[in-house]
Amino acid sequence: MLQKMLIIVFGLVMTTLVTGCNTVNGVGKDVQSGGKAISNTAEKVSDKM
């Protein structure tokens, strides 16, 4: 019984960790694309000056 509970808890922890990593990865991509958009806009403004 204890072994079964440990396996269930371990599975839940691993699922949470994997989901968290994917979420952090997604946030990183969002921040990166936002930075590229700002950089592109700054270059366009600089070219017009």
N, C-alpha and C. Protein backbone atom coordinates (compact mmCIF):
# COMPACT_ATOMS: atom_id res chain seq x y z
N MET A 1 0.83 -1.20 0.00
CA MET A 1 0.00 0.00 0.00
C MET A 1 0.87 1.26 0.00
N LEU A 2 1.90 1.29 0.83
CA LEU A 2 2.80 2.44 0.90
C LEU A 2 3.54 2.64 -0.41
N GLN A 3 3.95 1.53 -1.02
CA GLN A 3 4.67 1.61 -2.29
C GLN A 3 3.76 2.19 -3.38
N LYS A 4 2.52 1.80 -3.37
CA LYS A 4 1.57 2.30 -4.36
C LYS A 4 1.35 3.81 -4.18
N MET A 5 1.25 4.26 -2.94
CA MET A 5 1.09 5.69 -2.66
C MET A 5 2.32 6.48 -3.10
N LEU A 6 3.50 5.93 -2.86
CA LEU A 6 4.73 6.60 -3.26
C LEU A 6 4.82 6.74 -4.78
N ILE A 7 4.40 5.71 -5.50
CA ILE A 7 4.40 5.76 -6.96
C ILE A 7 3.43 6.83 -7.45
N ILE A 8 2.27 6.92 -6.85
CA ILE A 8 1.28 7.92 -7.24
C ILE A 8 1.80 9.33 -6.96
N VAL A 9 2.36 9.54 -5.79
CA VAL A 9 2.91 10.85 -5.43
C VAL A 9 4.06 11.22 -6.36
N PHE A 10 4.94 10.26 -6.64
CA PHE A 10 6.05 10.50 -7.54
C PHE A 10 5.54 10.89 -8.94
N GLY A 11 4.54 10.20 -9.41
CA GLY A 11 3.95 10.50 -10.71
C GLY A 11 3.36 11.91 -10.76
N LEU A 12 2.66 12.30 -9.70
CA LEU A 12 2.09 13.64 -9.64
C LEU A 12 3.17 14.72 -9.61
N VAL A 13 4.22 14.47 -8.86
CA VAL A 13 5.32 15.43 -8.78
C VAL A 13 6.00 15.57 -10.15
N MET A 14 6.25 14.47 -10.80
CA MET A 14 6.91 14.51 -12.12
C MET A 14 6.02 15.21 -13.14
N THR A 15 4.73 14.97 -13.10
CA THR A 15 3.80 15.63 -14.01
C THR A 15 3.82 17.14 -13.79
N THR A 16 3.83 17.54 -12.54
CA THR A 16 3.88 18.96 -12.21
C THR A 16 5.17 19.60 -12.70
N LEU A 17 6.27 18.92 -12.52
CA LEU A 17 7.56 19.45 -12.96
C LEU A 17 7.63 19.59 -14.48
N VAL A 18 7.16 18.59 -15.18
CA VAL A 18 7.19 18.63 -16.64
C VAL A 18 6.29 19.75 -17.16
N THR A 19 5.13 19.90 -16.57
CA THR A 19 4.20 20.96 -16.97
C THR A 19 4.82 22.32 -16.68
N GLY A 20 5.47 22.45 -15.54
CA GLY A 20 6.13 23.71 -15.18
C GLY A 20 7.23 24.06 -16.16
N CYS A 21 8.01 23.09 -16.58
CA CYS A 21 9.08 23.35 -17.54
C CYS A 21 8.52 23.82 -18.87
N ASN A 22 7.45 23.22 -19.32
CA ASN A 22 6.84 23.65 -20.57
C ASN A 22 6.29 25.07 -20.45
N THR A 23 5.74 25.40 -19.30
CA THR A 23 5.21 26.74 -19.09
C THR A 23 6.33 27.76 -19.10
N VAL A 24 7.42 27.48 -18.41
CA VAL A 24 8.56 28.40 -18.38
C VAL A 24 9.14 28.55 -19.79
N ASN A 25 9.20 27.46 -20.51
CA ASN A 25 9.69 27.50 -21.89
C ASN A 25 8.81 28.41 -22.74
N GLY A 26 7.52 28.29 -22.59
CA GLY A 26 6.58 29.13 -23.34
C GLY A 26 6.72 30.60 -22.99
N VAL A 27 6.91 30.90 -21.72
CA VAL A 27 7.10 32.28 -21.29
C VAL A 27 8.39 32.83 -21.89
N GLY A 28 9.43 32.02 -21.90
CA GLY A 28 10.69 32.45 -22.48
C GLY A 28 10.55 32.79 -23.96
N LYS A 29 9.80 31.99 -24.67
CA LYS A 29 9.57 32.26 -26.10
C LYS A 29 8.77 33.55 -26.28
N ASP A 30 7.77 33.77 -25.42
CA ASP A 30 6.97 34.99 -25.50
C ASP A 30 7.84 36.23 -25.25
N VAL A 31 8.69 36.16 -24.25
CA VAL A 31 9.57 37.28 -23.94
C VAL A 31 10.54 37.52 -25.09
N GLN A 32 11.05 36.44 -25.65
CA GLN A 32 11.99 36.57 -26.77
C GLN A 32 11.31 37.23 -27.98
N SER A 33 10.11 36.81 -28.31
CA SER A 33 9.42 37.40 -29.46
C SER A 33 9.07 38.86 -29.18
N GLY A 34 8.75 39.18 -27.93
CA GLY A 34 8.50 40.58 -27.57
C GLY A 34 9.75 41.43 -27.73
N GLY A 35 10.89 40.89 -27.33
CA GLY A 35 12.15 41.60 -27.49
C GLY A 35 12.50 41.82 -28.95
N LYS A 36 12.22 40.84 -29.78
CA LYS A 36 12.48 40.99 -31.22
C LYS A 36 11.59 42.07 -31.81
N ALA A 37 10.34 42.13 -31.39
CA ALA A 37 9.42 43.14 -31.90
C ALA A 37 9.90 44.54 -31.51
N ILE A 38 10.35 44.69 -30.28
CA ILE A 38 10.87 45.99 -29.83
C ILE A 38 12.11 46.37 -30.62
N SER A 39 12.98 45.41 -30.82
CA SER A 39 14.22 45.64 -31.57
C SER A 39 13.92 46.05 -33.01
N ASN A 40 12.99 45.34 -33.65
CA ASN A 40 12.62 45.67 -35.02
C ASN A 40 12.02 47.07 -35.12
N THR A 41 11.18 47.43 -34.17
CA THR A 41 10.57 48.75 -34.16
C THR A 41 11.64 49.83 -33.98
N ALA A 42 12.57 49.59 -33.10
CA ALA A 42 13.65 50.56 -32.86
C ALA A 42 14.49 50.72 -34.13
N GLU A 43 14.75 49.64 -34.84
CA GLU A 43 15.52 49.74 -36.08
C GLU A 43 14.76 50.52 -37.14
N LYS A 44 13.46 50.32 -37.25
CA LYS A 44 12.65 51.05 -38.23
C LYS A 44 12.67 52.56 -37.93
N VAL A 45 12.53 52.90 -36.65
CA VAL A 45 12.54 54.31 -36.26
C VAL A 45 13.91 54.91 -36.54
N SER A 46 14.94 54.17 -36.23
CA SER A 46 16.31 54.63 -36.47
C SER A 46 16.57 54.85 -37.96
N ASP A 47 16.05 53.98 -38.80
CA ASP A 47 16.23 54.10 -40.24
C ASP A 47 15.53 55.35 -40.79
N LYS A 48 14.40 55.73 -40.20
CA LYS A 48 13.64 56.89 -40.66
C LYS A 48 14.30 58.21 -40.25
N MET A 49 15.15 58.18 -39.27
CA MET A 49 15.78 59.42 -38.78
C MET A 49 16.88 59.84 -39.66
